[in-house]
Every structure is written in structure tokens, then in C-alpha cells.
Amino acid sequence: MEVLNTILPIIIDVLLIVLLVVGIILIIKCIYIIDKTKSVVANIEEKVNSLNSLFAIVSLVNDKISGAADAIISWIEGFIVKLFNKSDEDEVIEVEVVEKETKKKKGKK
């Protein structure tokens, strides 16, 4: 029993030292991985920022084309509406003329 009381703390101390060394090695590797990741992220961020101007130009062109298309569509729509309204107005005028003629004929009788 005395042997266990003397050897067991030594074994535990050795295992704790090994665990501490392994932990330190893992922490150092994690720091190295984090540094590599930071450099990769910085590189990607630099490349994305260089493309921001391209995206701004594409957005500007898209807005201009959309505005021009909207203007053309509204012009065509207005033209078509005017065509249909003219035919409706012609029919209304013809109906009014016919009604006036019938009133005149009734008034003469």
C-alpha cells in the first residue's frame, strides 16, 4: 500500500506533464492554423474588394437599361391606349349623332 502511495502520485504527475505538453502542442498548431486562415481571408477580402467596382458598373448599367426599357414600354402602352380610345371616341360620337338625328325626327313629327 505504501508503494502505491509513492508511485501513484509520480505516475499521475508524469501523465499530467504529458497532457500539458500535448495541450501546448495542440494550441500552437491551432494558432498556426488560425494565422493561415486569417491570411486566406485577407486575400479573399482583397480580391472581393477589387471586384466591387465591377459590380457597381454592372448595377449602373442594369439600372440604365431598366429605365430605358420602362420608358419604351410606357410609350408603347400609351400609343396602344390612344389607338383604342380613338375608336371608342368615334363610336361615342356616332351614337351621339344618331341620337340627335332621331330627336330631330321625333320633334318634327
PDB file of N, CA and C in Angstrom:
ATOM      1  N   MET A   1       0.825  -1.173   0.000  1.00  0.00           N
ATOM      2  CA  MET A   1       0.000   0.000   0.000  1.00  0.00           C
ATOM      3  C   MET A   1       0.872   1.240   0.000  1.00  0.00           C
ATOM      4  N   GLU A   2       1.986   1.151   0.705  1.00  0.00           N
ATOM      5  CA  GLU A   2       2.908   2.295   0.721  1.00  0.00           C
ATOM      6  C   GLU A   2       3.526   2.517  -0.635  1.00  0.00           C
ATOM      7  N   VAL A   3       3.721   1.441  -1.367  1.00  0.00           N
ATOM      8  CA  VAL A   3       4.302   1.538  -2.702  1.00  0.00           C
ATOM      9  C   VAL A   3       3.347   2.315  -3.604  1.00  0.00           C
ATOM     10  N   LEU A   4       2.067   2.024  -3.493  1.00  0.00           N
ATOM     11  CA  LEU A   4       1.073   2.737  -4.287  1.00  0.00           C
ATOM     12  C   LEU A   4       1.022   4.212  -3.890  1.00  0.00           C
ATOM     13  N   ASN A   5       1.152   4.503  -2.614  1.00  0.00           N
ATOM     14  CA  ASN A   5       1.121   5.890  -2.162  1.00  0.00           C
ATOM     15  C   ASN A   5       2.309   6.683  -2.691  1.00  0.00           C
ATOM     16  N   THR A   6       3.396   6.057  -2.992  1.00  0.00           N
ATOM     17  CA  THR A   6       4.566   6.774  -3.506  1.00  0.00           C
ATOM     18  C   THR A   6       4.624   6.759  -5.030  1.00  0.00           C
ATOM     19  N   ILE A   7       4.221   5.655  -5.652  1.00  0.00           N
ATOM     20  CA  ILE A   7       4.330   5.538  -7.107  1.00  0.00           C
ATOM     21  C   ILE A   7       3.136   6.214  -7.813  1.00  0.00           C
ATOM     22  N   LEU A   8       1.953   6.119  -7.250  1.00  0.00           N
ATOM     23  CA  LEU A   8       0.758   6.667  -7.884  1.00  0.00           C
ATOM     24  C   LEU A   8       0.856   8.185  -8.103  1.00  0.00           C
ATOM     25  N   PRO A   9       1.290   8.980  -7.167  1.00  0.00           N
ATOM     26  CA  PRO A   9       1.431  10.428  -7.451  1.00  0.00           C
ATOM     27  C   PRO A   9       2.482  10.705  -8.531  1.00  0.00           C
ATOM     28  N   ILE A  10       3.511   9.885  -8.600  1.00  0.00           N
ATOM     29  CA  ILE A  10       4.538  10.079  -9.633  1.00  0.00           C
ATOM     30  C   ILE A  10       3.933   9.779 -11.014  1.00  0.00           C
ATOM     31  N   ILE A  11       3.168   8.705 -11.099  1.00  0.00           N
ATOM     32  CA  ILE A  11       2.531   8.354 -12.378  1.00  0.00           C
ATOM     33  C   ILE A  11       1.548   9.452 -12.792  1.00  0.00           C
ATOM     34  N   ILE A  12       0.768   9.931 -11.855  1.00  0.00           N
ATOM     35  CA  ILE A  12      -0.197  10.999 -12.153  1.00  0.00           C
ATOM     36  C   ILE A  12       0.529  12.260 -12.587  1.00  0.00           C
ATOM     37  N   ASP A  13       1.627  12.590 -11.926  1.00  0.00           N
ATOM     38  CA  ASP A  13       2.405  13.780 -12.306  1.00  0.00           C
ATOM     39  C   ASP A  13       2.980  13.642 -13.714  1.00  0.00           C
ATOM     40  N   VAL A  14       3.471  12.460 -14.053  1.00  0.00           N
ATOM     41  CA  VAL A  14       4.029  12.237 -15.393  1.00  0.00           C
ATOM     42  C   VAL A  14       2.911  12.349 -16.440  1.00  0.00           C
ATOM     43  N   LEU A  15       1.751  11.766 -16.176  1.00  0.00           N
ATOM     44  CA  LEU A  15       0.635  11.855 -17.107  1.00  0.00           C
ATOM     45  C   LEU A  15       0.150  13.294 -17.269  1.00  0.00           C
ATOM     46  N   LEU A  16       0.138  14.042 -16.185  1.00  0.00           N
ATOM     47  CA  LEU A  16      -0.255  15.455 -16.273  1.00  0.00           C
ATOM     48  C   LEU A  16       0.762  16.258 -17.091  1.00  0.00           C
ATOM     49  N   ILE A  17       2.025  15.965 -16.950  1.00  0.00           N
ATOM     50  CA  ILE A  17       3.058  16.651 -17.728  1.00  0.00           C
ATOM     51  C   ILE A  17       2.883  16.314 -19.214  1.00  0.00           C
ATOM     52  N   VAL A  18       2.635  15.045 -19.523  1.00  0.00           N
ATOM     53  CA  VAL A  18       2.420  14.644 -20.914  1.00  0.00           C
ATOM     54  C   VAL A  18       1.173  15.342 -21.466  1.00  0.00           C
ATOM     55  N   LEU A  19       0.103  15.395 -20.696  1.00  0.00           N
ATOM     56  CA  LEU A  19      -1.123  16.062 -21.118  1.00  0.00           C
ATOM     57  C   LEU A  19      -0.892  17.552 -21.346  1.00  0.00           C
ATOM     58  N   LEU A  20      -0.131  18.172 -20.488  1.00  0.00           N
ATOM     59  CA  LEU A  20       0.188  19.592 -20.625  1.00  0.00           C
ATOM     60  C   LEU A  20       1.013  19.849 -21.882  1.00  0.00           C
ATOM     61  N   VAL A  21       1.993  18.993 -22.163  1.00  0.00           N
ATOM     62  CA  VAL A  21       2.822  19.152 -23.366  1.00  0.00           C
ATOM     63  C   VAL A  21       1.976  18.956 -24.621  1.00  0.00           C
ATOM     64  N   VAL A  22       1.126  17.944 -24.614  1.00  0.00           N
ATOM     65  CA  VAL A  22       0.258  17.702 -25.769  1.00  0.00           C
ATOM     66  C   VAL A  22      -0.696  18.886 -25.957  1.00  0.00           C
ATOM     67  N   GLY A  23      -1.230  19.427 -24.893  1.00  0.00           N
ATOM     68  CA  GLY A  23      -2.119  20.592 -24.970  1.00  0.00           C
ATOM     69  C   GLY A  23      -1.407  21.802 -25.549  1.00  0.00           C
ATOM     70  N   ILE A  24      -0.169  22.038 -25.108  1.00  0.00           N
ATOM     71  CA  ILE A  24       0.611  23.166 -25.632  1.00  0.00           C
ATOM     72  C   ILE A  24       0.878  22.977 -27.122  1.00  0.00           C
ATOM     73  N   ILE A  25       1.211  21.762 -27.528  1.00  0.00           N
ATOM     74  CA  ILE A  25       1.464  21.492 -28.953  1.00  0.00           C
ATOM     75  C   ILE A  25       0.190  21.736 -29.773  1.00  0.00           C
ATOM     76  N   LEU A  26      -0.945  21.272 -29.271  1.00  0.00           N
ATOM     77  CA  LEU A  26      -2.210  21.489 -29.978  1.00  0.00           C
ATOM     78  C   LEU A  26      -2.561  22.975 -30.061  1.00  0.00           C
ATOM     79  N   ILE A  27      -2.330  23.719 -29.027  1.00  0.00           N
ATOM     80  CA  ILE A  27      -2.601  25.163 -29.035  1.00  0.00           C
ATOM     81  C   ILE A  27      -1.709  25.869 -30.054  1.00  0.00           C
ATOM     82  N   ILE A  28      -0.451  25.476 -30.120  1.00  0.00           N
ATOM     83  CA  ILE A  28       0.459  26.080 -31.096  1.00  0.00           C
ATOM     84  C   ILE A  28      -0.001  25.771 -32.517  1.00  0.00           C
ATOM     85  N   LYS A  29      -0.419  24.527 -32.763  1.00  0.00           N
ATOM     86  CA  LYS A  29      -0.922  24.172 -34.089  1.00  0.00           C
ATOM     87  C   LYS A  29      -2.198  24.951 -34.422  1.00  0.00           C
ATOM     88  N   CYS A  30      -3.077  25.121 -33.433  1.00  0.00           N
ATOM     89  CA  CYS A  30      -4.299  25.895 -33.655  1.00  0.00           C
ATOM     90  C   CYS A  30      -3.977  27.352 -33.982  1.00  0.00           C
ATOM     91  N   ILE A  31      -3.004  27.920 -33.309  1.00  0.00           N
ATOM     92  CA  ILE A  31      -2.585  29.299 -33.597  1.00  0.00           C
ATOM     93  C   ILE A  31      -2.051  29.385 -35.027  1.00  0.00           C
ATOM     94  N   TYR A  32      -1.267  28.397 -35.435  1.00  0.00           N
ATOM     95  CA  TYR A  32      -0.731  28.373 -36.795  1.00  0.00           C
ATOM     96  C   TYR A  32      -1.868  28.279 -37.822  1.00  0.00           C
ATOM     97  N   ILE A  33      -2.851  27.435 -37.545  1.00  0.00           N
ATOM     98  CA  ILE A  33      -3.995  27.286 -38.458  1.00  0.00           C
ATOM     99  C   ILE A  33      -4.800  28.587 -38.515  1.00  0.00           C
ATOM    100  N   ILE A  34      -4.992  29.230 -37.380  1.00  0.00           N
ATOM    101  CA  ILE A  34      -5.733  30.491 -37.353  1.00  0.00           C
ATOM    102  C   ILE A  34      -5.001  31.568 -38.143  1.00  0.00           C
ATOM    103  N   ASP A  35      -3.674  31.621 -38.026  1.00  0.00           N
ATOM    104  CA  ASP A  35      -2.910  32.594 -38.803  1.00  0.00           C
ATOM    105  C   ASP A  35      -3.044  32.337 -40.304  1.00  0.00           C
ATOM    106  N   LYS A  36      -2.965  31.086 -40.705  1.00  0.00           N
ATOM    107  CA  LYS A  36      -3.136  30.739 -42.113  1.00  0.00           C
ATOM    108  C   LYS A  36      -4.541  31.150 -42.593  1.00  0.00           C
ATOM    109  N   THR A  37      -5.537  30.873 -41.768  1.00  0.00           N
ATOM    110  CA  THR A  37      -6.915  31.217 -42.119  1.00  0.00           C
ATOM    111  C   THR A  37      -7.077  32.726 -42.257  1.00  0.00           C
ATOM    112  N   LYS A  38      -6.456  33.479 -41.365  1.00  0.00           N
ATOM    113  CA  LYS A  38      -6.531  34.937 -41.454  1.00  0.00           C
ATOM    114  C   LYS A  38      -5.915  35.442 -42.745  1.00  0.00           C
ATOM    115  N   SER A  39      -4.788  34.851 -43.143  1.00  0.00           N
ATOM    116  CA  SER A  39      -4.152  35.298 -44.385  1.00  0.00           C
ATOM    117  C   SER A  39      -5.008  34.956 -45.603  1.00  0.00           C
ATOM    118  N   VAL A  40      -5.644  33.776 -45.582  1.00  0.00           N
ATOM    119  CA  VAL A  40      -6.521  33.394 -46.690  1.00  0.00           C
ATOM    120  C   VAL A  40      -7.738  34.325 -46.747  1.00  0.00           C
ATOM    121  N   VAL A  41      -8.328  34.618 -45.604  1.00  0.00           N
ATOM    122  CA  VAL A  41      -9.487  35.507 -45.554  1.00  0.00           C
ATOM    123  C   VAL A  41      -9.104  36.908 -46.017  1.00  0.00           C
ATOM    124  N   ALA A  42      -7.941  37.389 -45.615  1.00  0.00           N
ATOM    125  CA  ALA A  42      -7.489  38.712 -46.056  1.00  0.00           C
ATOM    126  C   ALA A  42      -7.288  38.733 -47.564  1.00  0.00           C
ATOM    127  N   ASN A  43      -6.747  37.667 -48.123  1.00  0.00           N
ATOM    128  CA  ASN A  43      -6.552  37.566 -49.567  1.00  0.00           C
ATOM    129  C   ASN A  43      -7.889  37.568 -50.300  1.00  0.00           C
ATOM    130  N   ILE A  44      -8.837  36.815 -49.804  1.00  0.00           N
ATOM    131  CA  ILE A  44     -10.165  36.770 -50.421  1.00  0.00           C
ATOM    132  C   ILE A  44     -10.854  38.125 -50.313  1.00  0.00           C
ATOM    133  N   GLU A  45     -10.734  38.760 -49.173  1.00  0.00           N
ATOM    134  CA  GLU A  45     -11.349  40.080 -48.985  1.00  0.00           C
ATOM    135  C   GLU A  45     -10.748  41.101 -49.947  1.00  0.00           C
ATOM    136  N   GLU A  46      -9.446  41.030 -50.160  1.00  0.00           N
ATOM    137  CA  GLU A  46      -8.784  41.940 -51.105  1.00  0.00           C
ATOM    138  C   GLU A  46      -9.312  41.716 -52.521  1.00  0.00           C
ATOM    139  N   LYS A  47      -9.473  40.468 -52.906  1.00  0.00           N
ATOM    140  CA  LYS A  47      -9.970  40.158 -54.252  1.00  0.00           C
ATOM    141  C   LYS A  47     -11.438  40.574 -54.419  1.00  0.00           C
ATOM    142  N   VAL A  48     -12.239  40.373 -53.401  1.00  0.00           N
ATOM    143  CA  VAL A  48     -13.641  40.781 -53.470  1.00  0.00           C
ATOM    144  C   VAL A  48     -13.744  42.302 -53.556  1.00  0.00           C
ATOM    145  N   ASN A  49     -12.932  43.005 -52.790  1.00  0.00           N
ATOM    146  CA  ASN A  49     -12.956  44.466 -52.838  1.00  0.00           C
ATOM    147  C   ASN A  49     -12.515  44.980 -54.203  1.00  0.00           C
ATOM    148  N   SER A  50     -11.643  44.266 -54.879  1.00  0.00           N
ATOM    149  CA  SER A  50     -11.235  44.690 -56.216  1.00  0.00           C
ATOM    150  C   SER A  50     -12.374  44.503 -57.212  1.00  0.00           C
ATOM    151  N   LEU A  51     -13.303  43.597 -56.928  1.00  0.00           N
ATOM    152  CA  LEU A  51     -14.447  43.371 -57.814  1.00  0.00           C
ATOM    153  C   LEU A  51     -15.629  44.295 -57.513  1.00  0.00           C
ATOM    154  N   ASN A  52     -15.574  45.035 -56.414  1.00  0.00           N
ATOM    155  CA  ASN A  52     -16.690  45.912 -56.056  1.00  0.00           C
ATOM    156  C   ASN A  52     -16.959  46.951 -57.138  1.00  0.00           C
ATOM    157  N   SER A  53     -15.918  47.492 -57.738  1.00  0.00           N
ATOM    158  CA  SER A  53     -16.123  48.490 -58.793  1.00  0.00           C
ATOM    159  C   SER A  53     -16.806  47.857 -60.005  1.00  0.00           C
ATOM    160  N   LEU A  54     -16.438  46.636 -60.315  1.00  0.00           N
ATOM    161  CA  LEU A  54     -17.082  45.930 -61.427  1.00  0.00           C
ATOM    162  C   LEU A  54     -18.572  45.729 -61.144  1.00  0.00           C
ATOM    163  N   PHE A  55     -18.894  45.322 -59.914  1.00  0.00           N
ATOM    164  CA  PHE A  55     -20.294  45.138 -59.549  1.00  0.00           C
ATOM    165  C   PHE A  55     -21.052  46.461 -59.579  1.00  0.00           C
ATOM    166  N   ALA A  56     -20.407  47.554 -59.206  1.00  0.00           N
ATOM    167  CA  ALA A  56     -21.049  48.868 -59.254  1.00  0.00           C
ATOM    168  C   ALA A  56     -21.355  49.257 -60.700  1.00  0.00           C
ATOM    169  N   ILE A  57     -20.426  48.980 -61.609  1.00  0.00           N
ATOM    170  CA  ILE A  57     -20.651  49.290 -63.025  1.00  0.00           C
ATOM    171  C   ILE A  57     -21.789  48.444 -63.582  1.00  0.00           C
ATOM    172  N   VAL A  58     -21.805  47.171 -63.256  1.00  0.00           N
ATOM    173  CA  VAL A  58     -22.879  46.286 -63.724  1.00  0.00           C
ATOM    174  C   VAL A  58     -24.229  46.768 -63.182  1.00  0.00           C
ATOM    175  N   SER A  59     -24.266  47.181 -61.935  1.00  0.00           N
ATOM    176  CA  SER A  59     -25.501  47.678 -61.338  1.00  0.00           C
ATOM    177  C   SER A  59     -25.962  48.953 -62.026  1.00  0.00           C
ATOM    178  N   LEU A  60     -25.035  49.855 -62.334  1.00  0.00           N
ATOM    179  CA  LEU A  60     -25.370  51.102 -63.012  1.00  0.00           C
ATOM    180  C   LEU A  60     -25.929  50.823 -64.404  1.00  0.00           C
ATOM    181  N   VAL A  61     -25.276  49.939 -65.150  1.00  0.00           N
ATOM    182  CA  VAL A  61     -25.750  49.587 -66.492  1.00  0.00           C
ATOM    183  C   VAL A  61     -27.134  48.942 -66.410  1.00  0.00           C
ATOM    184  N   ASN A  62     -27.324  48.081 -65.428  1.00  0.00           N
ATOM    185  CA  ASN A  62     -28.616  47.428 -65.236  1.00  0.00           C
ATOM    186  C   ASN A  62     -29.706  48.462 -64.963  1.00  0.00           C
ATOM    187  N   ASP A  63     -29.421  49.450 -64.123  1.00  0.00           N
ATOM    188  CA  ASP A  63     -30.401  50.488 -63.828  1.00  0.00           C
ATOM    189  C   ASP A  63     -30.741  51.306 -65.068  1.00  0.00           C
ATOM    190  N   LYS A  64     -29.740  51.651 -65.862  1.00  0.00           N
ATOM    191  CA  LYS A  64     -29.974  52.443 -67.079  1.00  0.00           C
ATOM    192  C   LYS A  64     -30.804  51.656 -68.090  1.00  0.00           C
ATOM    193  N   ILE A  65     -30.473  50.400 -68.295  1.00  0.00           N
ATOM    194  CA  ILE A  65     -31.224  49.574 -69.245  1.00  0.00           C
ATOM    195  C   ILE A  65     -32.658  49.398 -68.769  1.00  0.00           C
ATOM    196  N   SER A  66     -32.837  49.186 -67.483  1.00  0.00           N
ATOM    197  CA  SER A  66     -34.178  49.025 -66.926  1.00  0.00           C
ATOM    198  C   SER A  66     -34.986  50.307 -67.108  1.00  0.00           C
ATOM    199  N   GLY A  67     -34.371  51.459 -66.878  1.00  0.00           N
ATOM    200  CA  GLY A  67     -35.070  52.726 -67.056  1.00  0.00           C
ATOM    201  C   GLY A  67     -35.460  52.953 -68.505  1.00  0.00           C
ATOM    202  N   ALA A  68     -34.553  52.637 -69.422  1.00  0.00           N
ATOM    203  CA  ALA A  68     -34.856  52.795 -70.847  1.00  0.00           C
ATOM    204  C   ALA A  68     -35.970  51.835 -71.268  1.00  0.00           C
ATOM    205  N   ALA A  69     -35.931  50.618 -70.795  1.00  0.00           N
ATOM    206  CA  ALA A  69     -36.972  49.644 -71.138  1.00  0.00           C
ATOM    207  C   ALA A  69     -38.320  50.097 -70.586  1.00  0.00           C
ATOM    208  N   ASP A  70     -38.341  50.622 -69.364  1.00  0.00           N
ATOM    209  CA  ASP A  70     -39.589  51.123 -68.798  1.00  0.00           C
ATOM    210  C   ASP A  70     -40.145  52.280 -69.619  1.00  0.00           C
ATOM    211  N   ALA A  71     -39.268  53.185 -70.063  1.00  0.00           N
ATOM    212  CA  ALA A  71     -39.719  54.315 -70.872  1.00  0.00           C
ATOM    213  C   ALA A  71     -40.298  53.843 -72.203  1.00  0.00           C
ATOM    214  N   ILE A  72     -39.635  52.906 -72.850  1.00  0.00           N
ATOM    215  CA  ILE A  72     -40.120  52.388 -74.137  1.00  0.00           C
ATOM    216  C   ILE A  72     -41.454  51.670 -73.953  1.00  0.00           C
ATOM    217  N   ILE A  73     -41.562  50.876 -72.913  1.00  0.00           N
ATOM    218  CA  ILE A  73     -42.805  50.137 -72.667  1.00  0.00           C
ATOM    219  C   ILE A  73     -43.950  51.103 -72.370  1.00  0.00           C
ATOM    220  N   SER A  74     -43.708  52.133 -71.568  1.00  0.00           N
ATOM    221  CA  SER A  74     -44.788  53.074 -71.276  1.00  0.00           C
ATOM    222  C   SER A  74     -45.167  53.869 -72.522  1.00  0.00           C
ATOM    223  N   TRP A  75     -44.217  54.182 -73.410  1.00  0.00           N
ATOM    224  CA  TRP A  75     -44.542  54.871 -74.655  1.00  0.00           C
ATOM    225  C   TRP A  75     -45.426  53.986 -75.538  1.00  0.00           C
ATOM    226  N   ILE A  76     -45.046  52.716 -75.673  1.00  0.00           N
ATOM    227  CA  ILE A  76     -45.837  51.778 -76.477  1.00  0.00           C
ATOM    228  C   ILE A  76     -47.227  51.599 -75.869  1.00  0.00           C
ATOM    229  N   GLU A  77     -47.281  51.490 -74.554  1.00  0.00           N
ATOM    230  CA  GLU A  77     -48.567  51.337 -73.878  1.00  0.00           C
ATOM    231  C   GLU A  77     -49.457  52.555 -74.106  1.00  0.00           C
ATOM    232  N   GLY A  78     -48.883  53.743 -74.009  1.00  0.00           N
ATOM    233  CA  GLY A  78     -49.651  54.965 -74.262  1.00  0.00           C
ATOM    234  C   GLY A  78     -50.160  55.018 -75.691  1.00  0.00           C
ATOM    235  N   PHE A  79     -49.341  54.606 -76.639  1.00  0.00           N
ATOM    236  CA  PHE A  79     -49.734  54.594 -78.047  1.00  0.00           C
ATOM    237  C   PHE A  79     -50.910  53.640 -78.267  1.00  0.00           C
ATOM    238  N   ILE A  80     -50.822  52.453 -77.681  1.00  0.00           N
ATOM    239  CA  ILE A  80     -51.895  51.465 -77.831  1.00  0.00           C
ATOM    240  C   ILE A  80     -53.175  51.966 -77.168  1.00  0.00           C
ATOM    241  N   VAL A  81     -53.064  52.577 -76.006  1.00  0.00           N
ATOM    242  CA  VAL A  81     -54.247  53.102 -75.317  1.00  0.00           C
ATOM    243  C   VAL A  81     -54.893  54.194 -76.161  1.00  0.00           C
ATOM    244  N   LYS A  82     -54.085  55.064 -76.764  1.00  0.00           N
ATOM    245  CA  LYS A  82     -54.635  56.118 -77.626  1.00  0.00           C
ATOM    246  C   LYS A  82     -55.358  55.523 -78.823  1.00  0.00           C
ATOM    247  N   LEU A  83     -54.812  54.457 -79.411  1.00  0.00           N
ATOM    248  CA  LEU A  83     -55.474  53.813 -80.544  1.00  0.00           C
ATOM    249  C   LEU A  83     -56.850  53.282 -80.163  1.00  0.00           C
ATOM    250  N   PHE A  84     -56.928  52.610 -79.009  1.00  0.00           N
ATOM    251  CA  PHE A  84     -58.211  52.058 -78.591  1.00  0.00           C
ATOM    252  C   PHE A  84     -59.173  53.141 -78.142  1.00  0.00           C
ATOM    253  N   ASN A  85     -58.687  54.191 -77.532  1.00  0.00           N
ATOM    254  CA  ASN A  85     -59.560  55.279 -77.099  1.00  0.00           C
ATOM    255  C   ASN A  85     -60.123  56.031 -78.292  1.00  0.00           C
ATOM    256  N   LYS A  86     -59.365  56.193 -79.372  1.00  0.00           N
ATOM    257  CA  LYS A  86     -59.859  56.874 -80.558  1.00  0.00           C
ATOM    258  C   LYS A  86     -61.035  56.107 -81.152  1.00  0.00           C
ATOM    259  N   SER A  87     -60.929  54.804 -81.246  1.00  0.00           N
ATOM    260  CA  SER A  87     -62.027  54.016 -81.810  1.00  0.00           C
ATOM    261  C   SER A  87     -63.240  54.093 -80.889  1.00  0.00           C
ATOM    262  N   ASP A  88     -63.053  54.117 -79.578  1.00  0.00           N
ATOM    263  CA  ASP A  88     -64.163  54.255 -78.638  1.00  0.00           C
ATOM    264  C   ASP A  88     -64.800  55.637 -78.765  1.00  0.00           C
ATOM    265  N   GLU A  89     -63.977  56.675 -78.915  1.00  0.00           N
ATOM    266  CA  GLU A  89     -64.498  58.038 -79.065  1.00  0.00           C
ATOM    267  C   GLU A  89     -65.274  58.177 -80.367  1.00  0.00           C
ATOM    268  N   ASP A  90     -64.791  57.549 -81.441  1.00  0.00           N
ATOM    269  CA  ASP A  90     -65.501  57.584 -82.717  1.00  0.00           C
ATOM    270  C   ASP A  90     -66.870  56.945 -82.578  1.00  0.00           C
ATOM    271  N   GLU A  91     -66.961  55.833 -81.872  1.00  0.00           N
ATOM    272  CA  GLU A  91     -68.235  55.153 -81.671  1.00  0.00           C
ATOM    273  C   GLU A  91     -69.176  56.018 -80.847  1.00  0.00           C
ATOM    274  N   VAL A  92     -68.666  56.674 -79.805  1.00  0.00           N
ATOM    275  CA  VAL A  92     -69.492  57.544 -78.964  1.00  0.00           C
ATOM    276  C   VAL A  92     -70.023  58.711 -79.791  1.00  0.00           C
ATOM    277  N   ILE A  93     -69.166  59.308 -80.625  1.00  0.00           N
ATOM    278  CA  ILE A  93     -69.588  60.425 -81.478  1.00  0.00           C
ATOM    279  C   ILE A  93     -70.657  59.962 -82.450  1.00  0.00           C
ATOM    280  N   GLU A  94     -70.502  58.808 -83.049  1.00  0.00           N
ATOM    281  CA  GLU A  94     -71.500  58.281 -83.982  1.00  0.00           C
ATOM    282  C   GLU A  94     -72.829  58.044 -83.274  1.00  0.00           C
ATOM    283  N   VAL A  95     -72.790  57.515 -82.047  1.00  0.00           N
ATOM    284  CA  VAL A  95     -74.014  57.267 -81.290  1.00  0.00           C
ATOM    285  C   VAL A  95     -74.690  58.592 -80.972  1.00  0.00           C
ATOM    286  N   GLU A  96     -73.922  59.618 -80.605  1.00  0.00           N
ATOM    287  CA  GLU A  96     -74.500  60.925 -80.291  1.00  0.00           C
ATOM    288  C   GLU A  96     -75.150  61.544 -81.533  1.00  0.00           C
ATOM    289  N   VAL A  97     -74.526  61.411 -82.682  1.00  0.00           N
ATOM    290  CA  VAL A  97     -75.071  61.947 -83.924  1.00  0.00           C
ATOM    291  C   VAL A  97     -76.384  61.247 -84.259  1.00  0.00           C
ATOM    292  N   VAL A  98     -76.416  59.948 -84.116  1.00  0.00           N
ATOM    293  CA  VAL A  98     -77.635  59.188 -84.392  1.00  0.00           C
ATOM    294  C   VAL A  98     -78.746  59.602 -83.429  1.00  0.00           C
ATOM    295  N   GLU A  99     -78.428  59.797 -82.155  1.00  0.00           N
ATOM    296  CA  GLU A  99     -79.431  60.203 -81.174  1.00  0.00           C
ATOM    297  C   GLU A  99     -79.976  61.591 -81.497  1.00  0.00           C
ATOM    298  N   LYS A 100     -79.134  62.505 -81.903  1.00  0.00           N
ATOM    299  CA  LYS A 100     -79.584  63.850 -82.265  1.00  0.00           C
ATOM    300  C   LYS A 100     -80.511  63.804 -83.481  1.00  0.00           C
ATOM    301  N   GLU A 101     -80.166  62.993 -84.451  1.00  0.00           N
ATOM    302  CA  GLU A 101     -80.987  62.868 -85.651  1.00  0.00           C
ATOM    303  C   GLU A 101     -82.351  62.280 -85.317  1.00  0.00           C
ATOM    304  N   THR A 102     -82.373  61.288 -84.414  1.00  0.00           N
ATOM    305  CA  THR A 102     -83.657  60.693 -84.035  1.00  0.00           C
ATOM    306  C   THR A 102     -84.500  61.685 -83.241  1.00  0.00           C
ATOM    307  N   LYS A 103     -83.876  62.515 -82.422  1.00  0.00           N
ATOM    308  CA  LYS A 103     -84.617  63.525 -81.664  1.00  0.00           C
ATOM    309  C   LYS A 103     -85.194  64.570 -82.597  1.00  0.00           C
ATOM    310  N   LYS A 104     -84.424  64.942 -83.629  1.00  0.00           N
ATOM    311  CA  LYS A 104     -84.914  65.915 -84.594  1.00  0.00           C
ATOM    312  C   LYS A 104     -86.100  65.361 -85.371  1.00  0.00           C
ATOM    313  N   LYS A 105     -86.006  64.079 -85.723  1.00  0.00           N
ATOM    314  CA  LYS A 105     -87.080  63.440 -86.492  1.00  0.00           C
ATOM    315  C   LYS A 105     -88.337  63.334 -85.630  1.00  0.00           C
ATOM    316  N   LYS A 106     -88.163  63.026 -84.347  1.00  0.00           N
ATOM    317  CA  LYS A 106     -89.303  62.900 -83.441  1.00  0.00           C
ATOM    318  C   LYS A 106     -89.929  64.272 -83.202  1.00  0.00           C
ATOM    319  N   GLY A 107     -89.079  65.294 -83.111  1.00  0.00           N
ATOM    320  CA  GLY A 107     -89.571  66.649 -82.872  1.00  0.00           C
ATOM    321  C   GLY A 107     -90.346  67.178 -84.049  1.00  0.00           C
ATOM    322  N   LYS A 108     -90.013  66.791 -85.274  1.00  0.00           N
ATOM    323  CA  LYS A 108     -90.692  67.232 -86.481  1.00  0.00           C
ATOM    324  C   LYS A 108     -92.033  66.527 -86.646  1.00  0.00           C
ATOM    325  N   LYS A 109     -92.182  65.366 -86.115  1.00  0.00           N
ATOM    326  CA  LYS A 109     -93.388  64.577 -86.310  1.00  0.00           C
ATOM    327  C   LYS A 109     -94.431  65.066 -85.426  1.00  0.00           C
TER     328      LYS A 109
END
